[in-house]
Protein backbone atom coordinates (compact mmCIF):
# COMPACT_ATOMS: atom_id res chain seq x y z
CA MET A 1 0.03 0.02 0.00
CA VAL A 2 1.29 3.47 -0.84
CA GLU A 3 1.93 5.75 1.96
CA THR A 4 -0.54 8.76 1.63
CA VAL A 5 -0.29 10.28 5.10
CA THR A 6 0.80 13.94 5.27
CA SER A 7 0.98 14.55 9.03
CA CYS A 8 2.16 12.76 12.14
CA PHE A 9 0.58 9.30 12.28
CA PHE A 10 2.67 7.35 14.88
CA SER A 11 3.84 8.87 18.15
CA VAL A 12 6.81 6.82 19.19
CA ILE A 13 7.47 6.98 22.99
CA MET A 14 11.09 6.12 24.09
CA PRO A 15 11.86 6.19 27.92
CA ALA A 16 15.55 6.58 28.56
CA PHE A 17 17.55 6.35 31.89
CA ASN A 18 21.27 6.17 31.66
CA ALA A 19 21.07 4.65 28.17
CA ALA A 20 24.05 6.28 26.51
CA GLU A 21 25.49 2.91 25.69
CA PHE A 22 22.39 1.79 23.59
CA ILE A 23 20.21 4.79 22.71
CA GLU A 24 21.82 5.85 19.52
CA ARG A 25 21.01 2.33 18.10
CA ALA A 26 17.48 2.86 19.02
CA ILE A 27 17.18 6.27 17.62
CA VAL A 28 18.80 5.34 14.31
CA SER A 29 16.38 2.44 13.95
CA VAL A 30 13.46 4.85 14.06
CA LEU A 31 15.09 7.18 11.56
CA LYS A 32 15.57 4.16 9.23
CA GLN A 33 11.88 3.40 9.14
CA THR A 34 10.46 3.26 5.60
CA PHE A 35 7.32 4.98 6.90
CA SER A 36 8.23 8.65 7.57
CA HIS A 37 5.30 10.23 9.25
CA TRP A 38 6.21 9.68 12.81
CA GLU A 39 7.40 11.74 15.77
CA LEU A 40 9.90 10.38 18.40
CA ILE A 41 9.45 11.62 21.96
CA ILE A 42 12.31 10.69 24.15
CA ILE A 43 11.76 11.02 27.93
CA ASN A 44 15.15 11.64 29.68
CA ASP A 45 14.09 10.05 33.01
CA GLY A 46 16.70 11.60 35.13
CA SER A 47 19.71 10.25 33.37
CA THR A 48 23.18 11.04 34.86
CA ASP A 49 25.25 9.84 31.87
CA GLY A 50 25.46 11.24 28.37
CA THR A 51 21.96 10.19 27.23
CA PRO A 52 20.55 13.80 26.97
CA ASP A 53 23.66 14.94 24.81
CA ILE A 54 23.01 12.14 22.35
CA VAL A 55 19.33 12.81 22.19
CA ASN A 56 19.97 16.60 21.70
CA ARG A 57 22.42 15.91 18.90
CA TYR A 58 19.84 13.94 16.92
CA LYS A 59 17.07 16.47 17.83
CA GLU A 60 19.13 19.17 16.09
CA GLN A 61 19.33 17.02 12.88
CA ASP A 62 15.68 15.95 12.65
CA SER A 63 12.56 18.12 13.82
CA ARG A 64 10.57 14.94 14.31
CA ILE A 65 12.70 14.15 17.45
CA ARG A 66 11.64 15.81 20.79
CA ILE A 67 13.06 15.45 24.26
CA ILE A 68 11.25 15.64 27.64
CA ASN A 69 13.49 16.10 30.72
CA GLN A 70 12.19 14.97 34.06
CA ALA A 71 13.41 13.60 37.37
CA ASN A 72 13.61 9.79 37.62
CA LYS A 73 10.06 8.52 37.87
CA LYS A 74 10.50 5.09 36.25
CA GLN A 75 9.00 3.73 33.03
CA GLY A 76 5.34 3.94 33.68
CA ALA A 77 5.55 7.70 34.43
CA ALA A 78 8.04 8.31 31.59
CA ARG A 79 5.63 6.55 29.13
CA ASN A 80 2.80 8.60 30.44
CA ALA A 81 4.72 11.84 29.95
CA GLY A 82 5.34 10.84 26.27
CA ILE A 83 1.65 10.03 25.74
CA ARG A 84 0.56 13.38 27.16
CA ASP A 85 2.78 15.14 24.60
CA ALA A 86 1.95 12.96 21.65
CA ASN A 87 0.28 14.31 18.45
CA GLY A 88 -0.04 10.99 16.63
CA SER A 89 -3.30 9.10 16.07
CA TRP A 90 -1.58 5.83 17.03
CA ILE A 91 0.94 5.33 19.84
CA ALA A 92 4.10 3.06 19.71
CA PHE A 93 6.81 2.35 22.19
CA LEU A 94 10.44 1.57 21.81
CA ASP A 95 12.81 1.13 24.83
CA ALA A 96 16.20 2.87 24.63
CA ASP A 97 18.10 -0.33 24.58
CA ASP A 98 16.27 -2.18 21.75
CA GLU A 99 15.70 -1.49 17.98
CA TRP A 100 13.14 -1.82 15.23
CA LEU A 101 13.67 -3.23 11.76
CA PRO A 102 13.16 -0.74 8.91
CA GLN A 103 9.67 -2.04 7.79
CA LYS A 104 7.98 -1.99 11.17
CA LEU A 105 5.84 1.07 10.86
CA THR A 106 5.09 0.53 7.19
CA TYR A 107 3.83 -2.97 7.77
CA GLN A 108 1.67 -1.87 10.70
CA TYR A 109 0.32 1.09 8.87
CA ASN A 110 -0.78 -1.26 6.05
CA ILE A 111 -2.69 -3.42 8.56
CA ILE A 112 -4.29 -0.39 10.01
CA GLN A 113 -5.55 0.81 6.55
CA SER A 114 -7.00 -2.79 5.74
CA ASN A 115 -8.58 -3.32 9.16
CA PRO A 116 -9.99 -0.14 10.55
CA ASP A 117 -11.82 -1.96 13.35
CA ILE A 118 -8.52 -3.22 14.92
CA ASP A 119 -7.25 -1.21 18.06
CA VAL A 120 -3.96 -2.99 19.01
CA ILE A 121 -1.36 -4.54 16.57
CA SER A 122 1.64 -6.51 17.77
CA THR A 123 4.21 -8.47 15.96
CA SER A 124 6.90 -11.11 16.27
CA GLY A 125 10.61 -10.32 16.34
CA TYR A 126 13.93 -11.26 17.44
CA THR A 127 15.78 -11.79 20.72
CA ARG A 128 19.53 -11.14 20.97
CA PHE A 129 21.63 -12.08 23.94
CA ASP A 130 24.66 -9.94 24.77
CA GLN A 131 28.10 -11.23 23.93
CA GLU A 132 26.91 -13.19 20.99
CA PRO A 133 28.14 -13.01 17.40
CA VAL A 134 26.40 -10.64 15.13
CA ASN A 135 24.04 -13.15 13.66
CA ALA A 136 22.97 -14.80 17.04
CA TYR A 137 19.44 -13.96 16.95
CA TYR A 138 16.52 -16.07 18.21
CA HIS A 139 13.00 -15.80 17.13
CA TYR A 140 10.29 -14.22 19.45
CA SER A 141 7.07 -15.46 18.13
CA LEU A 142 3.37 -14.60 18.99
CA LYS A 143 0.24 -16.60 18.32
CA PRO A 144 -0.97 -14.96 15.09
CA GLY A 145 -4.54 -13.88 14.51
CA ARG A 146 -7.28 -11.56 15.41
CA PHE A 147 -8.53 -11.68 19.10
CA GLU A 148 -11.50 -9.98 20.79
CA GLY A 149 -10.74 -8.44 24.04
CA LYS A 150 -12.14 -11.32 26.11
CA ASP A 151 -10.02 -13.82 24.22
CA MET A 152 -6.79 -11.73 24.55
CA TYR A 153 -7.61 -11.18 28.22
CA ALA A 154 -7.31 -15.01 29.02
CA LEU A 155 -4.32 -15.35 26.70
CA GLU A 156 -2.37 -12.44 28.17
CA MET A 157 -3.41 -13.32 31.76
CA PHE A 158 -1.57 -16.55 31.62
CA ASN A 159 1.31 -15.66 29.28
CA ASN A 160 2.22 -11.94 29.46
CA TYR A 161 3.95 -12.35 26.18
CA ILE A 162 3.13 -9.27 24.06
CA PRO A 163 6.43 -7.37 23.80
CA ILE A 164 5.90 -3.58 24.12
CA LEU A 165 8.23 -2.68 21.54
CA SER A 166 6.18 -4.53 18.87
CA VAL A 167 2.85 -2.70 19.76
CA VAL A 168 1.05 0.18 18.22
CA PHE A 169 -2.47 1.08 19.51
CA LYS A 170 -5.17 3.68 18.65
CA ARG A 171 -4.73 6.79 20.78
CA GLU A 172 -8.50 6.85 21.51
CA GLN A 173 -8.03 3.62 23.39
CA ILE A 174 -6.45 5.81 26.19
CA ASP A 175 -9.90 7.30 27.05
CA LYS A 176 -11.05 3.72 27.83
CA ALA A 177 -8.06 2.19 29.56
CA GLY A 178 -6.38 5.42 30.92
CA LEU A 179 -2.58 5.93 31.21
CA PHE A 180 0.02 3.50 32.46
CA ASP A 181 0.03 2.56 36.25
CA GLU A 182 2.82 4.32 37.84
CA SER A 183 2.60 2.51 41.22
CA PRO A 184 5.68 0.57 42.59
CA ASP A 185 3.74 -2.65 42.80
CA VAL A 186 3.50 -2.99 39.01
CA GLN A 187 6.95 -1.58 38.15
CA GLY A 188 8.50 -3.50 35.35
CA CYS A 189 5.17 -4.95 34.19
CA GLU A 190 3.41 -1.70 33.30
CA ASP A 191 2.98 -3.06 29.77
CA HIS A 192 1.39 -6.43 30.97
CA ASP A 193 -1.07 -4.43 32.97
CA TYR A 194 -1.88 -2.03 30.16
CA TRP A 195 -2.69 -4.88 27.72
CA LEU A 196 -4.92 -6.58 30.24
CA ARG A 197 -6.78 -3.24 30.84
CA LEU A 198 -7.17 -2.74 27.00
CA ALA A 199 -8.57 -6.28 26.66
CA LYS A 200 -11.03 -5.77 29.55
CA ALA A 201 -12.10 -2.50 27.90
CA GLY A 202 -13.10 -4.37 24.65
CA ALA A 203 -10.11 -3.57 22.45
CA VAL A 204 -9.65 -5.68 19.38
CA PHE A 205 -6.09 -7.17 19.11
CA PHE A 206 -4.26 -8.34 16.02
CA ASN A 207 -0.95 -10.51 16.24
CA SER A 208 1.29 -11.02 13.34
CA ASP A 209 4.13 -13.34 12.51
CA GLU A 210 5.91 -10.47 10.75
CA ARG A 211 9.27 -9.88 12.53
CA THR A 212 9.72 -6.21 13.22
CA PHE A 213 12.09 -5.81 16.15
CA ILE A 214 15.22 -6.86 18.04
CA TYR A 215 14.85 -7.26 21.77
CA TYR A 216 18.20 -7.09 23.56
CA VAL A 217 18.79 -9.20 26.72
CA HIS A 218 21.70 -8.00 28.94
CA PRO A 219 22.46 -7.86 32.71
CA GLY A 220 21.09 -4.31 32.98
CA ASN A 221 17.62 -5.08 31.66
CA ILE A 222 14.87 -4.39 34.05
CA SER A 223 13.18 -7.46 33.03
CA ASN A 224 16.04 -9.47 34.21
CA GLN A 225 15.44 -8.57 37.81
CA TYR A 226 13.42 -11.81 38.32
CA GLY A 227 12.41 -11.42 41.92
CA LYS A 228 10.95 -7.98 41.51
CA GLN A 229 9.37 -9.04 38.12
CA SER A 230 7.60 -11.97 39.69
CA PHE A 231 6.15 -9.78 42.42
CA SER A 232 5.00 -7.12 39.85
CA SER A 233 3.59 -9.72 37.44
CA ALA A 234 1.56 -11.30 40.25
CA ASN A 235 0.17 -7.92 41.36
CA VAL A 236 -0.84 -7.11 37.84
CA ARG A 237 -2.74 -10.38 37.55
CA LEU A 238 -4.65 -9.94 40.74
CA LYS A 239 -5.30 -6.27 40.01
CA ASN A 240 -7.01 -7.28 36.63
CA PHE A 241 -8.62 -10.44 37.89
CA ASP A 242 -12.25 -10.66 36.40
CA ASN A 243 -14.03 -14.03 37.19
CA HIS A 244 -16.45 -13.20 34.57
CA LEU A 245 -13.79 -13.36 31.92
CA LEU A 246 -12.11 -16.63 33.17
CA SER A 247 -13.48 -20.10 33.58
CA PRO A 248 -13.51 -21.60 37.12
CA GLN A 249 -10.63 -23.73 36.14
CA GLN A 250 -8.64 -20.77 34.84
CA SER A 251 -9.44 -18.82 38.03
CA SER A 252 -8.06 -21.84 40.08
CA ASP A 253 -4.94 -21.92 37.82
CA LEU A 254 -4.35 -18.28 38.53
CA ALA A 255 -4.60 -18.74 42.29
CA HIS A 256 -2.18 -21.64 42.24
CA ASP A 257 0.18 -19.62 40.19
CA ILE A 258 -0.03 -16.76 42.76
CA THR A 259 0.54 -19.18 45.55
CA LYS A 260 3.69 -20.44 44.04
CA THR A 261 4.80 -16.82 43.63
CA VAL A 262 4.26 -16.17 47.28
CA ARG A 263 6.39 -19.23 48.18
CA PHE A 264 9.13 -18.11 45.91
CA LEU A 265 9.31 -14.64 47.36
CA ARG A 266 9.38 -16.06 50.93
CA SER A 267 12.25 -18.37 49.98
CA ASN A 268 14.25 -15.35 48.51
CA GLN A 269 13.97 -12.99 51.44
CA MET A 270 11.08 -11.09 50.09
CA ALA A 271 8.51 -11.87 52.96
CA GLU A 272 6.95 -8.38 52.86
CA GLN A 273 6.06 -8.68 49.29
CA ALA A 274 4.88 -12.28 49.78
CA ASP A 275 2.56 -11.34 52.64
CA ALA A 276 1.15 -8.48 50.46
CA LEU A 277 0.34 -10.95 47.63
CA ALA A 278 -1.14 -13.45 49.99
CA GLY A 279 -3.45 -10.83 51.38
CA LYS A 280 -4.66 -9.72 47.99
CA LEU A 281 -5.22 -13.28 46.88
CA GLN A 282 -7.19 -14.13 49.96
CA LYS A 283 -9.48 -11.23 49.34
CA LEU A 284 -10.44 -12.46 45.89
CA SER A 285 -11.86 -15.78 47.49
CA ILE A 286 -11.05 -17.80 44.34
CA LYS A 287 -12.36 -21.40 44.53
CA TYR A 288 -9.23 -23.72 44.24
CA LEU A 289 -9.63 -26.73 42.06
CA PRO A 290 -7.22 -29.71 42.81
CA VAL A 291 -4.07 -29.23 40.82
CA TYR A 292 -3.51 -33.03 40.43
CA LYS A 293 -7.09 -33.50 39.02
CA GLN A 294 -6.27 -31.58 35.92
CA LYS A 295 -5.19 -33.29 32.71
CA THR A 296 -2.78 -30.59 32.12
CA LEU A 297 -1.77 -28.30 34.96
CA GLY A 298 -1.76 -24.52 35.53
CA SER A 299 0.05 -22.09 33.46
CA GLY A 300 2.85 -21.40 35.99
CA ILE A 301 5.72 -19.00 34.95
CA LYS A 302 5.35 -16.53 32.01
CA ASN A 303 4.97 -18.37 28.71
CA LYS A 304 5.47 -21.80 30.33
CA SER A 305 3.47 -24.56 28.63
CA LYS A 306 0.90 -26.47 30.62
CA GLN A 307 2.19 -29.75 29.19
CA VAL A 308 5.59 -29.44 31.20
CA LEU A 309 3.73 -29.29 34.51
CA ALA A 310 1.65 -32.30 33.49
CA GLY A 311 4.80 -34.32 32.61
CA ILE A 312 6.62 -33.32 35.78
CA PHE A 313 3.53 -34.17 37.78
CA LYS A 314 3.17 -37.66 36.28
CA THR A 315 6.83 -38.32 36.67
CA PHE A 316 7.06 -37.47 40.36
CA VAL A 317 3.64 -37.49 41.95
CA PHE A 318 1.75 -40.43 40.34
CA PRO A 319 3.94 -42.84 42.21
CA LEU A 320 2.57 -41.54 45.29
CA LYS A 321 -1.11 -41.78 44.18
CA LYS A 322 -2.04 -44.20 46.83
CA LYS A 323 -0.96 -41.73 49.49
CA ILE A 324 -2.88 -38.84 47.86
CA ALA A 325 -5.91 -40.94 46.95
CA LYS A 326 -8.00 -38.58 49.12
CA TYR A 327 -6.18 -35.43 47.64
CA ASN A 328 -4.24 -34.91 50.90
CA LEU A 329 -3.64 -31.05 50.83
CA ARG A 330 -0.35 -31.26 52.79
CA ILE A 331 1.12 -33.46 50.02
CA ALA A 332 -0.25 -31.22 47.35
CA ALA A 333 1.33 -28.22 49.13
CA GLU A 334 4.79 -29.85 49.31
CA TYR A 335 4.38 -30.67 45.57
CA GLN A 336 3.59 -27.07 44.77
CA LYS A 337 6.55 -25.88 46.83
CA TRP A 338 8.93 -28.16 45.03
CA LEU A 339 7.50 -27.23 41.57
CA TYR A 340 7.77 -23.59 42.22
CA GLN A 341 11.33 -23.73 43.32
CA SER A 342 12.06 -25.21 39.94
CA ASN A 343 9.87 -22.93 37.88
CA PHE A 344 12.05 -20.01 37.68
CA LYS A 345 14.74 -21.99 35.71
CA VAL A 346 12.41 -22.51 32.64
CA LYS A 347 11.17 -19.51 30.75
CA GLY A 348 8.91 -20.27 27.82
CA PRO A 349 6.60 -22.97 26.26
CA LEU A 350 8.03 -26.43 26.85
CA THR A 351 6.56 -29.82 26.38
CA ILE A 352 8.19 -32.76 28.07
CA SER A 353 7.44 -36.42 27.83
CA PRO A 354 6.55 -38.02 31.28
CA LYS A 355 9.49 -40.45 30.59
CA ALA A 356 11.98 -37.69 29.98
CA LYS A 357 14.00 -36.03 32.79
CA ILE A 358 15.41 -32.46 33.27
CA ASP A 359 18.00 -31.94 35.92
CA PHE A 360 19.22 -28.59 37.22
CA GLY A 361 22.36 -29.11 39.08
CA HIS A 362 22.51 -25.51 40.06
CA LYS A 363 19.88 -22.90 40.82
CA GLN A 364 21.37 -20.28 38.23
CA ALA A 365 21.07 -22.81 35.47
CA GLN A 366 18.16 -21.95 33.06
CA ILE A 367 16.25 -22.88 29.96
CA ILE A 368 14.96 -19.97 27.82
CA THR A 369 12.79 -21.26 24.94
CA HIS A 370 10.12 -20.13 22.55
CA GLY A 371 8.84 -23.57 21.89
CA MET A 372 10.58 -26.80 22.81
CA GLN A 373 9.54 -30.56 22.90
CA ILE A 374 11.47 -33.30 24.65
CA GLY A 375 10.83 -37.02 23.77
CA ASP A 376 10.68 -40.23 25.83
CA PHE A 377 13.72 -41.26 27.87
CA THR A 378 15.60 -38.20 26.94
CA TYR A 379 17.93 -36.60 29.59
CA LEU A 380 18.65 -32.88 29.83
CA ASN A 381 21.30 -32.00 32.45
CA LEU A 382 22.26 -28.42 33.29
CA THR A 383 24.85 -28.70 35.90
CA THR A 384 26.68 -25.37 36.64
CA ASN A 385 25.67 -21.75 37.41
CA ASN A 386 26.67 -20.97 33.74
CA SER A 387 24.52 -23.68 32.31
CA GLU A 388 22.06 -22.14 29.85
CA LEU A 389 20.04 -23.61 26.96
CA VAL A 390 18.27 -20.96 24.74
CA THR A 391 16.07 -22.09 21.78
CA GLY A 392 13.88 -20.52 19.36
CA SER A 393 10.47 -21.92 18.33
CA GLY A 394 9.96 -25.50 17.05
CA PHE A 395 12.89 -27.09 18.75
CA VAL A 396 12.38 -30.88 19.06
CA LEU A 397 14.79 -33.25 21.08
CA ASN A 398 13.61 -36.73 20.12
CA LYS A 399 13.91 -40.03 22.15
CA PHE A 400 16.86 -41.53 24.02
CA SER A 401 18.98 -38.32 23.66
CA ASN A 402 21.31 -36.87 26.15
CA PHE A 403 22.14 -33.19 26.55
CA ASN A 404 24.84 -32.43 29.20
CA ILE A 405 25.23 -28.62 29.43
CA LEU A 406 28.07 -27.00 31.58
CA GLY A 407 28.27 -23.96 29.31
CA LYS A 408 25.89 -22.13 27.01
CA VAL A 409 23.86 -23.73 24.23
CA HIS A 410 21.98 -21.45 21.89
CA ILE A 411 19.66 -23.13 19.31
CA GLY A 412 17.59 -21.35 16.64
CA SER A 413 14.13 -22.22 15.36
CA ASN A 414 12.82 -25.30 13.59
CA VAL A 415 15.66 -27.49 14.81
CA LEU A 416 15.35 -31.24 15.20
CA PHE A 417 17.61 -33.66 17.01
CA ASN A 418 16.50 -37.25 16.18
CA ASN A 419 16.82 -40.25 18.43
CA TYR A 420 19.88 -41.23 20.43
CA CYS A 421 21.76 -37.79 19.83
CA THR A 422 24.41 -36.53 22.36
CA LEU A 423 25.42 -32.91 23.08
CA HIS A 424 28.20 -32.29 25.64
CA CYS A 425 28.92 -28.59 26.11
CA PHE A 426 31.62 -27.35 28.39
CA SER A 427 31.95 -23.91 26.77
CA ALA A 428 29.60 -22.87 23.95
CA ILE A 429 27.56 -24.36 21.05
CA ASN A 430 25.53 -22.18 18.67
CA ILE A 431 23.07 -23.79 16.18
CA GLY A 432 21.23 -21.70 13.64
CA ASP A 433 17.68 -22.01 12.26
CA ASN A 434 16.24 -24.91 10.18
CA CYS A 435 18.88 -27.63 11.06
CA TRP A 436 18.25 -31.27 11.31
CA PHE A 437 20.42 -33.88 12.93
CA GLY A 438 20.10 -37.51 12.20
CA GLU A 439 20.06 -40.40 14.68
CA SER A 440 23.09 -40.65 16.95
CA VAL A 441 24.75 -37.38 16.03
CA LYS A 442 27.26 -36.24 18.72
CA LEU A 443 28.47 -32.76 19.52
CA TYR A 444 31.56 -32.28 21.75
CA ASP A 445 33.10 -28.80 22.31
CA HIS A 446 35.85 -30.13 24.41
CA ASN A 447 38.59 -32.87 24.56
CA HIS A 448 40.84 -34.39 27.15
CA ARG A 449 44.16 -32.54 27.49
CA TYR A 450 47.12 -34.75 27.06
CA LYS A 451 50.32 -32.83 27.89
CA VAL A 452 52.32 -34.57 30.63
CA LYS A 453 53.60 -37.92 30.00
CA ASP A 454 52.97 -40.80 32.45
CA THR A 455 50.33 -38.72 34.20
CA PRO A 456 46.70 -39.90 34.05
CA PHE A 457 44.78 -38.07 31.45
CA THR A 458 41.81 -37.71 33.90
CA SER A 459 43.94 -35.28 35.98
CA GLN A 460 44.94 -33.10 33.10
CA GLY A 461 41.64 -31.41 32.48
CA TYR A 462 40.12 -30.33 29.13
CA THR A 463 40.56 -28.15 26.17
CA THR A 464 37.51 -26.33 24.84
CA GLY A 465 36.52 -24.65 21.55
CA LYS A 466 33.16 -23.20 20.53
CA ILE A 467 31.13 -25.09 17.94
CA VAL A 468 29.04 -22.89 15.53
CA ILE A 469 26.54 -24.39 13.10
CA GLY A 470 24.88 -22.10 10.63
CA ASN A 471 21.42 -22.01 9.16
CA ASN A 472 19.78 -24.70 7.00
CA VAL A 473 22.21 -27.46 7.85
CA TRP A 474 21.57 -31.19 7.65
CA VAL A 475 23.77 -33.67 9.54
CA GLY A 476 23.58 -37.45 8.82
CA SER A 477 23.37 -40.20 11.27
CA ASN A 478 26.36 -41.28 13.43
CA THR A 479 28.32 -38.01 12.71
CA VAL A 480 30.58 -36.60 15.39
CA ILE A 481 31.24 -32.82 15.49
CA LEU A 482 34.30 -31.80 17.44
CA GLN A 483 35.52 -28.65 19.25
CA ASN A 484 36.49 -25.38 17.25
CA VAL A 485 34.33 -26.34 14.35
CA THR A 486 32.29 -23.94 12.34
CA ILE A 487 29.79 -25.23 9.74
CA GLY A 488 28.50 -22.57 7.34
CA ASP A 489 25.00 -22.02 6.06
CA ASN A 490 23.35 -24.39 3.61
CA CYS A 491 25.54 -27.39 4.26
CA VAL A 492 24.88 -31.11 4.12
CA ILE A 493 27.02 -33.43 6.23
CA GLY A 494 26.72 -37.04 5.24
CA ALA A 495 26.44 -39.88 7.63
CA ASN A 496 29.29 -41.50 9.62
CA ASN A 497 31.65 -38.55 9.44
CA ILE A 498 34.05 -37.11 12.08
CA ILE A 499 34.02 -33.27 11.45
CA HIS A 500 37.16 -31.90 13.21
CA ARG A 501 37.75 -28.78 11.07
CA SER A 502 35.43 -26.04 9.79
CA VAL A 503 33.09 -26.52 6.80
CA PRO A 504 32.55 -23.59 4.47
CA ALA A 505 29.07 -22.49 3.62
CA ASN A 506 27.33 -24.30 0.67
CA THR A 507 29.24 -27.49 1.09
CA ILE A 508 28.41 -31.10 0.81
CA VAL A 509 30.47 -33.55 2.91
CA LYS A 510 30.04 -37.10 1.60
CA SER A 511 29.36 -39.94 3.93
CA GLY A 512 32.47 -41.43 5.29
CA GLN A 513 34.75 -39.03 3.30
CA GLU A 514 35.36 -36.18 5.68
CA HIS A 515 38.81 -35.61 4.25
CA THR A 516 37.29 -34.55 0.93
CA TYR A 517 35.93 -31.14 1.85
């Protein structure tokens, strides 16, 4: 569709606090938009670094950029300041440490023109983790489609998955939902609160698979402060609870989730916040349905699949079914306590077979996934405080496989490991999108160190070297990939090979002939 707008259409709100390290990237991504009828309002929220200097430099170059200086009032108040000063008929948000892809506003403008009844538009995008190679992006996907307010309410209540940097919404919706909540109890989850309020007000949502943004994860992200985030998220859900918009089972699931949050906070020296949540939950008088009677259990942590809870429950609780035949509440409470202490390690939708096992050897180990499926008799072991498994959507780990992760494993979208595969990571293994691994493929990013004669090799430690596998790679059965190997994009690795040196892009390695490439 040809752009015909002649005035400001989108008001882009960008809160910024001590963002000098990142904000130029964010500003440039707005300037590069193929849709030009926007204004960028940057709220300098009490920065003490060079943030205002950078903003003022760009402001002098482009009249569409404005700056509002205020004392530090946090993101909710900063966004509200931008909204009050906005001239556009649609509102968009971009945090100072993230960026948009050039087609974002054009794409959403075209949707608006074709669907005038839609009030809120969100898109998919990419997540990037700090200290990764330039191409180490992982897909952040939404459930696509059109959603009436009541449907989005239930979806958002249990997932909180709409990223604020993807959203544009009609300015007139502010009259229905109001401004962002600035209270400390929802700090860091103001956007979750706002989407729920828009849904309750009857807004029509549209989610798209189009990828329009890059969300950066780094130690300074507000969203990485997990204890505070859990408290704020629970407050948002209780604040927006409406039993007319949820089924009795969904209401019970919510109550169980909040109960687990209360236990988590108490176990992490946040008793005051835990007591506050418990009091609010009690006032709602939600009827609890037994967790263990559900075919699939409650939603749990943000974006966590119900199937993982069902799988864990069947694995650990069904052997005790004689003891809980009468649904002994004490046993149920102990189960919930154990389950919640594990929940914070898994972020995202994950389906696990009842016959599989995930073992976290350290409380800092974590799985971050946009969609992962684990088959029968597969063992996934994360053993150190550095252990990390990050996956895109559509990652499948089939039967009888063994992943032993001491370092960091990052896997893209639509990746399949067939039966009997092994991955041992001491340092780092990166795998791109659309990769398939045949049965009994093995990846080792380390090797025993042999340096001292007549000294047991078991006492000499290991050498390590990163494995990097590009996009669209097929690896045949019984192939072994060793440390310090990079396999380029669009490669075919035949069966029964030992890959001990790098493979250029667009290469075929014939079966049993690894010396030919």
